[in-house]
Amino acid sequence: MFSFKEIASVTLILFSVIDIVGAIPVIIDLRKKHGSLQEEKVTMVSGLIMIVFLFVGDSILRLFGIDVQSFAVAGAIIIFILGLEMVLDKHFFQAHADSTSSIVPLAFPLIAGAGTATTIISLKAEYQVPNIMIGILANLILIYIVLRLSNQIEKLIGTAGVNVLRKVFGIVLLAIAIKLLKTNLLSF
C-alpha cells in the first residue's frame, strides 16, 4: 500500500505544479499589501482544497456541469491577472483587510488552484490514495515553511531582488496561464 517511490513521485509532481518557491514574489507582495498572511489558515485551506479534490473533485465539477478543462481555463485567467499585477505594478484584486485577504488569491488559485486540482485528479489514476495523501502533506509542510520564512527571504534578497523576482515570476505566471489556456482551450 505505502510505496516510497510513489510518495516521492507524487511529492515531486505536486511540488512542481504548486511551485511555492516561484510564488515567493507573490507571497512577499501579498504580505506587503495585507500585513499578515495567516500562514496557518492559508496552509489549512490549501490542504483542504487539495484533499477535497483528491476524494470528490471530479464529482464536484460534474455536479456543477463543469469539465476539468473549463475549470483549468478559469484558474488560468486568475493566474494571468496575478501575473499582470506583478509585471505592470497595477492592482486588479482589491486589498481587503478581512479574514480572507490572504486566502484568495494565495491558497486559491495560486497554491491549490486549477493546475493543482487537475493534477491531483489525474494522480488518482496512477497512484494509491494513501501515497497521494502523504505527498500532499509533504507539500503542505513546505508551503507553510516558505510562508513563515517569507520575511527572512525578503530581507535576504533585498528590495531590488524582490522587484526583479516579482517581474520575472510575473512573466512566468503569465506564461503558465497562457499554457493552461492554450492546452485547455484546444481540448474543447
N, C-alpha and C. Protein backbone atom coordinates (compact mmCIF):
# COMPACT_ATOMS: atom_id res chain seq x y z
N MET A 1 0.83 -1.19 0.00
CA MET A 1 0.00 0.00 0.00
C MET A 1 0.87 1.25 0.00
N PHE A 2 1.71 1.44 1.01
CA PHE A 2 2.60 2.59 1.04
C PHE A 2 3.83 2.27 0.21
N SER A 3 4.15 3.17 -0.69
CA SER A 3 5.31 2.99 -1.55
C SER A 3 6.14 4.27 -1.52
N PHE A 4 7.38 4.14 -1.09
CA PHE A 4 8.26 5.31 -1.03
C PHE A 4 8.42 5.92 -2.42
N LYS A 5 8.51 5.07 -3.44
CA LYS A 5 8.67 5.56 -4.80
C LYS A 5 7.44 6.39 -5.23
N GLU A 6 6.24 5.88 -4.94
CA GLU A 6 5.02 6.62 -5.28
C GLU A 6 4.94 7.93 -4.50
N ILE A 7 5.26 7.88 -3.21
CA ILE A 7 5.22 9.08 -2.37
C ILE A 7 6.18 10.13 -2.91
N ALA A 8 7.40 9.70 -3.24
CA ALA A 8 8.40 10.63 -3.78
C ALA A 8 7.93 11.21 -5.11
N SER A 9 7.38 10.38 -5.97
CA SER A 9 6.89 10.87 -7.27
C SER A 9 5.77 11.88 -7.11
N VAL A 10 4.78 11.54 -6.29
CA VAL A 10 3.64 12.44 -6.06
C VAL A 10 4.13 13.75 -5.46
N THR A 11 5.02 13.65 -4.47
CA THR A 11 5.53 14.86 -3.81
C THR A 11 6.23 15.76 -4.81
N LEU A 12 7.08 15.20 -5.65
CA LEU A 12 7.80 16.00 -6.64
C LEU A 12 6.88 16.57 -7.71
N ILE A 13 5.91 15.78 -8.14
CA ILE A 13 4.97 16.28 -9.15
C ILE A 13 4.19 17.47 -8.58
N LEU A 14 3.65 17.31 -7.38
CA LEU A 14 2.88 18.40 -6.77
C LEU A 14 3.77 19.61 -6.47
N PHE A 15 5.00 19.37 -6.03
CA PHE A 15 5.92 20.47 -5.77
C PHE A 15 6.15 21.28 -7.04
N SER A 16 6.29 20.60 -8.16
CA SER A 16 6.50 21.29 -9.44
C SER A 16 5.26 22.08 -9.86
N VAL A 17 4.09 21.50 -9.68
CA VAL A 17 2.86 22.17 -10.10
C VAL A 17 2.54 23.34 -9.18
N ILE A 18 2.67 23.13 -7.87
CA ILE A 18 2.37 24.20 -6.90
C ILE A 18 3.38 25.33 -7.03
N ASP A 19 4.64 24.98 -7.20
CA ASP A 19 5.75 25.94 -7.38
C ASP A 19 5.75 27.01 -6.29
N ILE A 20 5.78 26.57 -5.04
CA ILE A 20 5.76 27.51 -3.91
C ILE A 20 6.99 28.40 -3.90
N VAL A 21 8.11 27.89 -4.37
CA VAL A 21 9.33 28.71 -4.43
C VAL A 21 9.14 29.83 -5.46
N GLY A 22 8.52 29.50 -6.60
CA GLY A 22 8.26 30.51 -7.62
C GLY A 22 7.22 31.52 -7.18
N ALA A 23 6.42 31.16 -6.17
CA ALA A 23 5.39 32.07 -5.67
C ALA A 23 5.92 33.05 -4.63
N ILE A 24 7.18 32.95 -4.28
CA ILE A 24 7.74 33.83 -3.24
C ILE A 24 7.50 35.31 -3.53
N PRO A 25 7.71 35.80 -4.76
CA PRO A 25 7.41 37.23 -5.00
C PRO A 25 5.94 37.58 -4.75
N VAL A 26 5.03 36.69 -5.10
CA VAL A 26 3.61 36.94 -4.85
C VAL A 26 3.35 36.96 -3.35
N ILE A 27 3.96 36.03 -2.63
CA ILE A 27 3.79 35.95 -1.17
C ILE A 27 4.29 37.23 -0.52
N ILE A 28 5.46 37.69 -0.93
CA ILE A 28 6.02 38.93 -0.38
C ILE A 28 5.12 40.11 -0.71
N ASP A 29 4.63 40.16 -1.94
CA ASP A 29 3.73 41.24 -2.35
C ASP A 29 2.44 41.23 -1.53
N LEU A 30 1.86 40.05 -1.33
CA LEU A 30 0.64 39.95 -0.53
C LEU A 30 0.89 40.34 0.92
N ARG A 31 2.07 39.97 1.45
CA ARG A 31 2.40 40.35 2.82
C ARG A 31 2.48 41.87 2.94
N LYS A 32 3.03 42.53 1.92
CA LYS A 32 3.11 43.99 1.94
C LYS A 32 1.73 44.62 1.86
N LYS A 33 0.85 44.05 1.03
CA LYS A 33 -0.50 44.59 0.87
C LYS A 33 -1.34 44.41 2.12
N HIS A 34 -1.22 43.24 2.75
CA HIS A 34 -2.14 42.87 3.83
C HIS A 34 -1.50 42.85 5.21
N GLY A 35 -0.19 42.93 5.27
CA GLY A 35 0.49 42.92 6.57
C GLY A 35 0.71 41.53 7.13
N SER A 36 -0.29 40.69 7.02
CA SER A 36 -0.20 39.34 7.56
C SER A 36 -0.74 38.38 6.51
N LEU A 37 -0.17 37.19 6.49
CA LEU A 37 -0.62 36.19 5.51
C LEU A 37 -1.48 35.10 6.13
N GLN A 38 -1.57 35.04 7.44
CA GLN A 38 -2.30 33.96 8.10
C GLN A 38 -1.81 32.61 7.58
N GLU A 39 -0.51 32.36 7.78
CA GLU A 39 0.16 31.19 7.22
C GLU A 39 -0.56 29.89 7.53
N GLU A 40 -1.01 29.75 8.78
CA GLU A 40 -1.68 28.51 9.18
C GLU A 40 -2.98 28.34 8.40
N LYS A 41 -3.75 29.42 8.29
CA LYS A 41 -5.02 29.36 7.58
C LYS A 41 -4.82 29.08 6.10
N VAL A 42 -3.85 29.76 5.48
CA VAL A 42 -3.57 29.54 4.06
C VAL A 42 -3.17 28.09 3.83
N THR A 43 -2.30 27.55 4.70
CA THR A 43 -1.86 26.17 4.56
C THR A 43 -3.03 25.21 4.75
N MET A 44 -3.87 25.45 5.76
CA MET A 44 -5.00 24.56 6.01
C MET A 44 -6.02 24.62 4.87
N VAL A 45 -6.33 25.81 4.38
CA VAL A 45 -7.29 25.93 3.29
C VAL A 45 -6.73 25.28 2.02
N SER A 46 -5.45 25.48 1.75
CA SER A 46 -4.81 24.83 0.60
C SER A 46 -4.92 23.32 0.72
N GLY A 47 -4.61 22.82 1.91
CA GLY A 47 -4.69 21.37 2.15
C GLY A 47 -6.10 20.85 2.01
N LEU A 48 -7.05 21.58 2.54
CA LEU A 48 -8.45 21.17 2.45
C LEU A 48 -8.89 21.10 0.99
N ILE A 49 -8.53 22.11 0.21
CA ILE A 49 -8.89 22.10 -1.21
C ILE A 49 -8.27 20.89 -1.91
N MET A 50 -6.99 20.63 -1.63
CA MET A 50 -6.32 19.50 -2.28
C MET A 50 -6.95 18.17 -1.88
N ILE A 51 -7.26 18.01 -0.61
CA ILE A 51 -7.85 16.76 -0.14
C ILE A 51 -9.27 16.58 -0.69
N VAL A 52 -10.04 17.66 -0.73
CA VAL A 52 -11.38 17.57 -1.32
C VAL A 52 -11.28 17.15 -2.78
N PHE A 53 -10.34 17.74 -3.52
CA PHE A 53 -10.19 17.36 -4.92
C PHE A 53 -9.67 15.93 -5.08
N LEU A 54 -8.92 15.46 -4.12
CA LEU A 54 -8.45 14.07 -4.18
C LEU A 54 -9.64 13.12 -4.11
N PHE A 55 -10.56 13.39 -3.21
CA PHE A 55 -11.65 12.44 -2.98
C PHE A 55 -12.90 12.71 -3.83
N VAL A 56 -13.24 13.97 -4.05
CA VAL A 56 -14.50 14.25 -4.74
C VAL A 56 -14.39 15.33 -5.81
N GLY A 57 -13.18 15.68 -6.22
CA GLY A 57 -13.00 16.77 -7.18
C GLY A 57 -13.73 16.57 -8.49
N ASP A 58 -13.57 15.40 -9.07
CA ASP A 58 -14.24 15.14 -10.34
C ASP A 58 -15.76 15.14 -10.18
N SER A 59 -16.26 14.67 -9.05
CA SER A 59 -17.70 14.68 -8.78
C SER A 59 -18.22 16.10 -8.59
N ILE A 60 -17.46 16.94 -7.90
CA ILE A 60 -17.88 18.34 -7.70
C ILE A 60 -17.99 19.05 -9.04
N LEU A 61 -17.00 18.88 -9.87
CA LEU A 61 -17.04 19.52 -11.18
C LEU A 61 -18.22 19.03 -12.00
N ARG A 62 -18.47 17.71 -11.98
CA ARG A 62 -19.62 17.15 -12.71
C ARG A 62 -20.95 17.67 -12.15
N LEU A 63 -21.03 17.82 -10.82
CA LEU A 63 -22.24 18.32 -10.17
C LEU A 63 -22.63 19.69 -10.72
N PHE A 64 -21.63 20.54 -10.96
CA PHE A 64 -21.90 21.87 -11.49
C PHE A 64 -21.86 21.90 -13.02
N GLY A 65 -21.69 20.74 -13.62
CA GLY A 65 -21.64 20.68 -15.08
C GLY A 65 -20.39 21.29 -15.66
N ILE A 66 -19.31 21.26 -14.87
CA ILE A 66 -18.05 21.86 -15.30
C ILE A 66 -17.07 20.74 -15.63
N ASP A 67 -16.45 20.84 -16.78
CA ASP A 67 -15.41 19.88 -17.11
C ASP A 67 -14.07 20.40 -16.60
N VAL A 68 -13.10 19.52 -16.50
CA VAL A 68 -11.79 19.87 -15.95
C VAL A 68 -11.13 20.98 -16.78
N GLN A 69 -11.35 20.94 -18.10
CA GLN A 69 -10.75 21.96 -18.96
C GLN A 69 -11.30 23.35 -18.66
N SER A 70 -12.60 23.47 -18.45
CA SER A 70 -13.20 24.77 -18.12
C SER A 70 -12.69 25.29 -16.79
N PHE A 71 -12.56 24.37 -15.83
CA PHE A 71 -12.03 24.74 -14.52
C PHE A 71 -10.60 25.26 -14.65
N ALA A 72 -9.81 24.57 -15.47
CA ALA A 72 -8.43 24.99 -15.69
C ALA A 72 -8.36 26.35 -16.38
N VAL A 73 -9.26 26.62 -17.32
CA VAL A 73 -9.29 27.92 -18.00
C VAL A 73 -9.62 29.03 -17.01
N ALA A 74 -10.60 28.80 -16.14
CA ALA A 74 -10.96 29.80 -15.13
C ALA A 74 -9.77 30.09 -14.22
N GLY A 75 -9.08 29.06 -13.76
CA GLY A 75 -7.88 29.25 -12.93
C GLY A 75 -6.78 29.97 -13.69
N ALA A 76 -6.66 29.67 -14.97
CA ALA A 76 -5.64 30.32 -15.80
C ALA A 76 -5.89 31.82 -15.91
N ILE A 77 -7.15 32.21 -15.99
CA ILE A 77 -7.49 33.64 -16.08
C ILE A 77 -7.07 34.37 -14.81
N ILE A 78 -7.33 33.76 -13.65
CA ILE A 78 -6.92 34.37 -12.38
C ILE A 78 -5.40 34.46 -12.30
N ILE A 79 -4.71 33.41 -12.69
CA ILE A 79 -3.24 33.40 -12.66
C ILE A 79 -2.70 34.47 -13.63
N PHE A 80 -3.35 34.61 -14.78
CA PHE A 80 -2.95 35.63 -15.75
C PHE A 80 -3.06 37.03 -15.15
N ILE A 81 -4.16 37.29 -14.45
CA ILE A 81 -4.35 38.60 -13.82
C ILE A 81 -3.29 38.84 -12.75
N LEU A 82 -2.98 37.81 -11.95
CA LEU A 82 -1.91 37.94 -10.95
C LEU A 82 -0.58 38.27 -11.62
N GLY A 83 -0.28 37.60 -12.73
CA GLY A 83 0.94 37.88 -13.47
C GLY A 83 0.99 39.31 -13.98
N LEU A 84 -0.15 39.79 -14.50
CA LEU A 84 -0.23 41.18 -14.96
C LEU A 84 0.04 42.16 -13.81
N GLU A 85 -0.54 41.87 -12.65
CA GLU A 85 -0.29 42.73 -11.48
C GLU A 85 1.20 42.83 -11.19
N MET A 86 1.88 41.69 -11.25
CA MET A 86 3.30 41.67 -10.90
C MET A 86 4.15 42.39 -11.94
N VAL A 87 3.83 42.22 -13.20
CA VAL A 87 4.63 42.81 -14.27
C VAL A 87 4.36 44.30 -14.42
N LEU A 88 3.09 44.69 -14.33
CA LEU A 88 2.70 46.07 -14.60
C LEU A 88 2.63 46.96 -13.36
N ASP A 89 2.78 46.38 -12.17
CA ASP A 89 2.63 47.10 -10.91
C ASP A 89 1.26 47.77 -10.81
N LYS A 90 0.25 47.12 -11.33
CA LYS A 90 -1.15 47.57 -11.23
C LYS A 90 -1.88 46.54 -10.38
N HIS A 91 -2.88 47.00 -9.65
CA HIS A 91 -3.61 46.09 -8.78
C HIS A 91 -5.04 45.92 -9.26
N PHE A 92 -5.34 44.69 -9.66
CA PHE A 92 -6.68 44.36 -10.11
C PHE A 92 -7.52 43.77 -8.98
N PHE A 93 -6.86 43.00 -8.12
CA PHE A 93 -7.54 42.47 -6.94
C PHE A 93 -7.46 43.52 -5.85
N GLN A 94 -8.57 43.84 -5.27
CA GLN A 94 -8.61 44.84 -4.22
C GLN A 94 -8.05 44.28 -2.92
N ALA A 95 -7.28 45.09 -2.22
CA ALA A 95 -6.74 44.69 -0.92
C ALA A 95 -7.82 44.91 0.14
N HIS A 96 -8.30 43.83 0.71
CA HIS A 96 -9.31 43.89 1.77
C HIS A 96 -8.66 43.47 3.07
N ALA A 97 -9.06 44.09 4.14
CA ALA A 97 -8.50 43.76 5.44
C ALA A 97 -9.35 42.73 6.16
N ASP A 98 -10.02 41.87 5.41
CA ASP A 98 -10.84 40.86 6.06
C ASP A 98 -10.05 39.56 6.23
N SER A 99 -10.72 38.57 6.77
CA SER A 99 -10.02 37.32 7.10
C SER A 99 -9.69 36.49 5.87
N THR A 100 -10.22 36.83 4.70
CA THR A 100 -9.92 36.04 3.51
C THR A 100 -8.87 36.70 2.63
N SER A 101 -8.31 37.83 3.04
CA SER A 101 -7.44 38.60 2.17
C SER A 101 -6.21 37.84 1.71
N SER A 102 -5.70 36.93 2.50
CA SER A 102 -4.54 36.17 2.05
C SER A 102 -4.94 34.77 1.57
N ILE A 103 -6.17 34.38 1.84
CA ILE A 103 -6.64 33.07 1.37
C ILE A 103 -6.79 33.13 -0.15
N VAL A 104 -7.50 34.17 -0.62
CA VAL A 104 -7.65 34.40 -2.05
C VAL A 104 -6.79 35.62 -2.37
N PRO A 105 -5.84 35.55 -3.22
CA PRO A 105 -5.57 34.55 -4.23
C PRO A 105 -4.46 33.56 -3.86
N LEU A 106 -3.98 33.56 -2.61
CA LEU A 106 -2.83 32.72 -2.28
C LEU A 106 -3.20 31.24 -2.20
N ALA A 107 -4.11 30.87 -1.29
CA ALA A 107 -4.48 29.46 -1.16
C ALA A 107 -5.16 28.98 -2.44
N PHE A 108 -6.05 29.81 -2.94
CA PHE A 108 -6.70 29.52 -4.21
C PHE A 108 -6.75 30.81 -5.01
N PRO A 109 -6.25 30.86 -6.21
CA PRO A 109 -5.86 29.77 -7.09
C PRO A 109 -4.35 29.50 -7.15
N LEU A 110 -3.52 30.26 -6.39
CA LEU A 110 -2.08 30.14 -6.58
C LEU A 110 -1.54 28.79 -6.11
N ILE A 111 -1.84 28.40 -4.87
CA ILE A 111 -1.30 27.14 -4.34
C ILE A 111 -2.17 25.96 -4.76
N ALA A 112 -3.44 26.00 -4.43
CA ALA A 112 -4.34 24.89 -4.71
C ALA A 112 -5.34 25.29 -5.78
N GLY A 113 -4.83 25.72 -6.90
CA GLY A 113 -5.68 26.17 -7.99
C GLY A 113 -6.00 25.07 -8.98
N ALA A 114 -6.38 25.51 -10.15
CA ALA A 114 -6.82 24.58 -11.19
C ALA A 114 -5.73 23.57 -11.57
N GLY A 115 -4.49 24.04 -11.66
CA GLY A 115 -3.40 23.13 -12.02
C GLY A 115 -3.20 22.05 -10.97
N THR A 116 -3.20 22.46 -9.72
CA THR A 116 -3.02 21.51 -8.62
C THR A 116 -4.21 20.55 -8.56
N ALA A 117 -5.41 21.09 -8.66
CA ALA A 117 -6.62 20.25 -8.57
C ALA A 117 -6.67 19.23 -9.70
N THR A 118 -6.42 19.67 -10.93
CA THR A 118 -6.46 18.72 -12.04
C THR A 118 -5.33 17.71 -11.95
N THR A 119 -4.18 18.13 -11.43
CA THR A 119 -3.08 17.19 -11.24
C THR A 119 -3.47 16.13 -10.22
N ILE A 120 -4.07 16.53 -9.13
CA ILE A 120 -4.48 15.59 -8.09
C ILE A 120 -5.52 14.61 -8.63
N ILE A 121 -6.47 15.12 -9.42
CA ILE A 121 -7.48 14.24 -10.01
C ILE A 121 -6.79 13.21 -10.91
N SER A 122 -5.82 13.65 -11.70
CA SER A 122 -5.16 12.71 -12.60
C SER A 122 -4.19 11.77 -11.88
N LEU A 123 -3.63 12.20 -10.75
CA LEU A 123 -2.74 11.31 -9.99
C LEU A 123 -3.48 10.07 -9.49
N LYS A 124 -4.78 10.22 -9.23
CA LYS A 124 -5.57 9.09 -8.73
C LYS A 124 -5.57 7.92 -9.70
N ALA A 125 -5.38 8.20 -10.99
CA ALA A 125 -5.38 7.14 -11.99
C ALA A 125 -4.10 6.31 -11.93
N GLU A 126 -3.06 6.86 -11.35
CA GLU A 126 -1.75 6.20 -11.39
C GLU A 126 -1.20 5.79 -10.03
N TYR A 127 -1.62 6.47 -8.96
CA TYR A 127 -1.04 6.23 -7.64
C TYR A 127 -2.12 5.90 -6.62
N GLN A 128 -1.70 5.23 -5.54
CA GLN A 128 -2.59 4.88 -4.45
C GLN A 128 -2.93 6.13 -3.64
N VAL A 129 -4.18 6.22 -3.19
CA VAL A 129 -4.66 7.40 -2.45
C VAL A 129 -3.81 7.69 -1.20
N PRO A 130 -3.44 6.67 -0.38
CA PRO A 130 -2.62 6.99 0.80
C PRO A 130 -1.28 7.64 0.43
N ASN A 131 -0.70 7.22 -0.68
CA ASN A 131 0.57 7.80 -1.12
C ASN A 131 0.38 9.23 -1.61
N ILE A 132 -0.75 9.50 -2.26
CA ILE A 132 -1.06 10.86 -2.69
C ILE A 132 -1.26 11.75 -1.46
N MET A 133 -1.97 11.23 -0.45
CA MET A 133 -2.19 11.99 0.79
C MET A 133 -0.86 12.40 1.43
N ILE A 134 0.08 11.47 1.50
CA ILE A 134 1.38 11.78 2.10
C ILE A 134 2.12 12.81 1.25
N GLY A 135 2.02 12.71 -0.07
CA GLY A 135 2.62 13.70 -0.96
C GLY A 135 2.02 15.08 -0.75
N ILE A 136 0.71 15.14 -0.56
CA ILE A 136 0.03 16.41 -0.28
C ILE A 136 0.53 16.97 1.05
N LEU A 137 0.59 16.13 2.08
CA LEU A 137 1.05 16.59 3.40
C LEU A 137 2.49 17.10 3.34
N ALA A 138 3.35 16.42 2.61
CA ALA A 138 4.74 16.87 2.47
C ALA A 138 4.80 18.25 1.83
N ASN A 139 3.97 18.48 0.82
CA ASN A 139 3.93 19.79 0.17
C ASN A 139 3.35 20.86 1.08
N LEU A 140 2.38 20.50 1.89
CA LEU A 140 1.81 21.47 2.83
C LEU A 140 2.86 21.92 3.85
N ILE A 141 3.70 21.01 4.28
CA ILE A 141 4.79 21.38 5.20
C ILE A 141 5.72 22.38 4.53
N LEU A 142 6.08 22.11 3.28
CA LEU A 142 6.96 23.03 2.53
C LEU A 142 6.28 24.38 2.31
N ILE A 143 5.00 24.37 2.01
CA ILE A 143 4.25 25.61 1.82
C ILE A 143 4.28 26.45 3.09
N TYR A 144 4.01 25.81 4.21
CA TYR A 144 3.99 26.51 5.49
C TYR A 144 5.36 27.12 5.79
N ILE A 145 6.42 26.37 5.55
CA ILE A 145 7.78 26.86 5.82
C ILE A 145 8.08 28.09 4.96
N VAL A 146 7.75 28.03 3.67
CA VAL A 146 8.00 29.17 2.79
C VAL A 146 7.17 30.39 3.22
N LEU A 147 5.91 30.16 3.58
CA LEU A 147 5.07 31.27 4.04
C LEU A 147 5.65 31.91 5.30
N ARG A 148 6.08 31.08 6.24
CA ARG A 148 6.62 31.59 7.51
C ARG A 148 7.93 32.34 7.30
N LEU A 149 8.75 31.89 6.35
CA LEU A 149 10.08 32.48 6.14
C LEU A 149 10.09 33.59 5.10
N SER A 150 8.94 33.99 4.60
CA SER A 150 8.92 34.99 3.51
C SER A 150 9.55 36.32 3.93
N ASN A 151 9.39 36.73 5.18
CA ASN A 151 10.06 37.96 5.64
C ASN A 151 11.57 37.83 5.59
N GLN A 152 12.08 36.70 6.07
CA GLN A 152 13.53 36.47 6.05
C GLN A 152 14.05 36.38 4.62
N ILE A 153 13.27 35.76 3.74
CA ILE A 153 13.68 35.66 2.34
C ILE A 153 13.75 37.06 1.73
N GLU A 154 12.76 37.88 2.05
CA GLU A 154 12.75 39.26 1.54
C GLU A 154 13.96 40.03 2.04
N LYS A 155 14.30 39.89 3.33
CA LYS A 155 15.47 40.58 3.88
C LYS A 155 16.76 40.09 3.23
N LEU A 156 16.81 38.80 2.94
CA LEU A 156 18.00 38.20 2.34
C LEU A 156 18.25 38.74 0.92
N ILE A 157 17.19 38.84 0.12
CA ILE A 157 17.40 39.26 -1.27
C ILE A 157 17.20 40.76 -1.49
N GLY A 158 16.65 41.47 -0.50
CA GLY A 158 16.52 42.92 -0.58
C GLY A 158 15.39 43.38 -1.49
N THR A 159 15.12 44.67 -1.45
CA THR A 159 14.03 45.26 -2.23
C THR A 159 14.27 45.11 -3.72
N ALA A 160 15.48 45.38 -4.16
CA ALA A 160 15.79 45.25 -5.59
C ALA A 160 15.62 43.81 -6.05
N GLY A 161 16.07 42.86 -5.24
CA GLY A 161 15.93 41.45 -5.56
C GLY A 161 14.47 41.03 -5.64
N VAL A 162 13.67 41.54 -4.71
CA VAL A 162 12.23 41.25 -4.72
C VAL A 162 11.60 41.81 -5.98
N ASN A 163 11.96 43.03 -6.35
CA ASN A 163 11.39 43.64 -7.56
C ASN A 163 11.76 42.86 -8.81
N VAL A 164 13.01 42.42 -8.90
CA VAL A 164 13.44 41.63 -10.06
C VAL A 164 12.68 40.30 -10.07
N LEU A 165 12.64 39.61 -8.93
CA LEU A 165 11.91 38.35 -8.84
C LEU A 165 10.44 38.53 -9.19
N ARG A 166 9.87 39.62 -8.72
CA ARG A 166 8.45 39.89 -8.96
C ARG A 166 8.18 40.00 -10.46
N LYS A 167 9.02 40.72 -11.18
CA LYS A 167 8.84 40.87 -12.63
C LYS A 167 9.07 39.54 -13.35
N VAL A 168 10.14 38.85 -12.98
CA VAL A 168 10.46 37.58 -13.64
C VAL A 168 9.35 36.57 -13.41
N PHE A 169 8.92 36.42 -12.15
CA PHE A 169 7.89 35.44 -11.87
C PHE A 169 6.52 35.91 -12.34
N GLY A 170 6.32 37.19 -12.50
CA GLY A 170 5.10 37.68 -13.13
C GLY A 170 5.02 37.18 -14.56
N ILE A 171 6.14 37.26 -15.27
CA ILE A 171 6.19 36.74 -16.64
C ILE A 171 6.01 35.23 -16.65
N VAL A 172 6.60 34.54 -15.67
CA VAL A 172 6.42 33.09 -15.56
C VAL A 172 4.94 32.76 -15.33
N LEU A 173 4.28 33.50 -14.43
CA LEU A 173 2.85 33.27 -14.19
C LEU A 173 2.05 33.51 -15.47
N LEU A 174 2.38 34.56 -16.20
CA LEU A 174 1.69 34.82 -17.47
C LEU A 174 1.88 33.65 -18.44
N ALA A 175 3.10 33.14 -18.50
CA ALA A 175 3.38 32.01 -19.39
C ALA A 175 2.62 30.76 -18.95
N ILE A 176 2.57 30.50 -17.65
CA ILE A 176 1.82 29.35 -17.13
C ILE A 176 0.35 29.50 -17.48
N ALA A 177 -0.19 30.71 -17.28
CA ALA A 177 -1.59 30.96 -17.59
C ALA A 177 -1.87 30.74 -19.08
N ILE A 178 -0.99 31.23 -19.93
CA ILE A 178 -1.18 31.08 -21.37
C ILE A 178 -1.09 29.60 -21.75
N LYS A 179 -0.16 28.87 -21.14
CA LYS A 179 -0.05 27.43 -21.42
C LYS A 179 -1.32 26.71 -20.99
N LEU A 180 -1.83 27.03 -19.79
CA LEU A 180 -3.08 26.42 -19.32
C LEU A 180 -4.22 26.75 -20.27
N LEU A 181 -4.30 28.01 -20.68
CA LEU A 181 -5.35 28.43 -21.61
C LEU A 181 -5.22 27.69 -22.94
N LYS A 182 -4.02 27.68 -23.49
CA LYS A 182 -3.80 27.05 -24.79
C LYS A 182 -4.14 25.56 -24.74
N THR A 183 -3.61 24.87 -23.73
CA THR A 183 -3.85 23.44 -23.61
C THR A 183 -5.33 23.12 -23.44
N ASN A 184 -6.00 23.88 -22.59
CA ASN A 184 -7.38 23.55 -22.28
C ASN A 184 -8.38 24.11 -23.28
N LEU A 185 -8.06 25.21 -23.94
CA LEU A 185 -8.96 25.71 -24.97
C LEU A 185 -8.92 24.84 -26.21
N LEU A 186 -7.75 24.28 -26.51
CA LEU A 186 -7.62 23.40 -27.68
C LEU A 186 -8.33 22.05 -27.47
N SER A 187 -8.59 21.70 -26.20
CA SER A 187 -9.21 20.40 -25.93
C SER A 187 -10.73 20.45 -25.99
N PHE A 188 -11.31 21.64 -26.25
CA PHE A 188 -12.78 21.74 -26.34
C PHE A 188 -13.27 21.19 -27.64
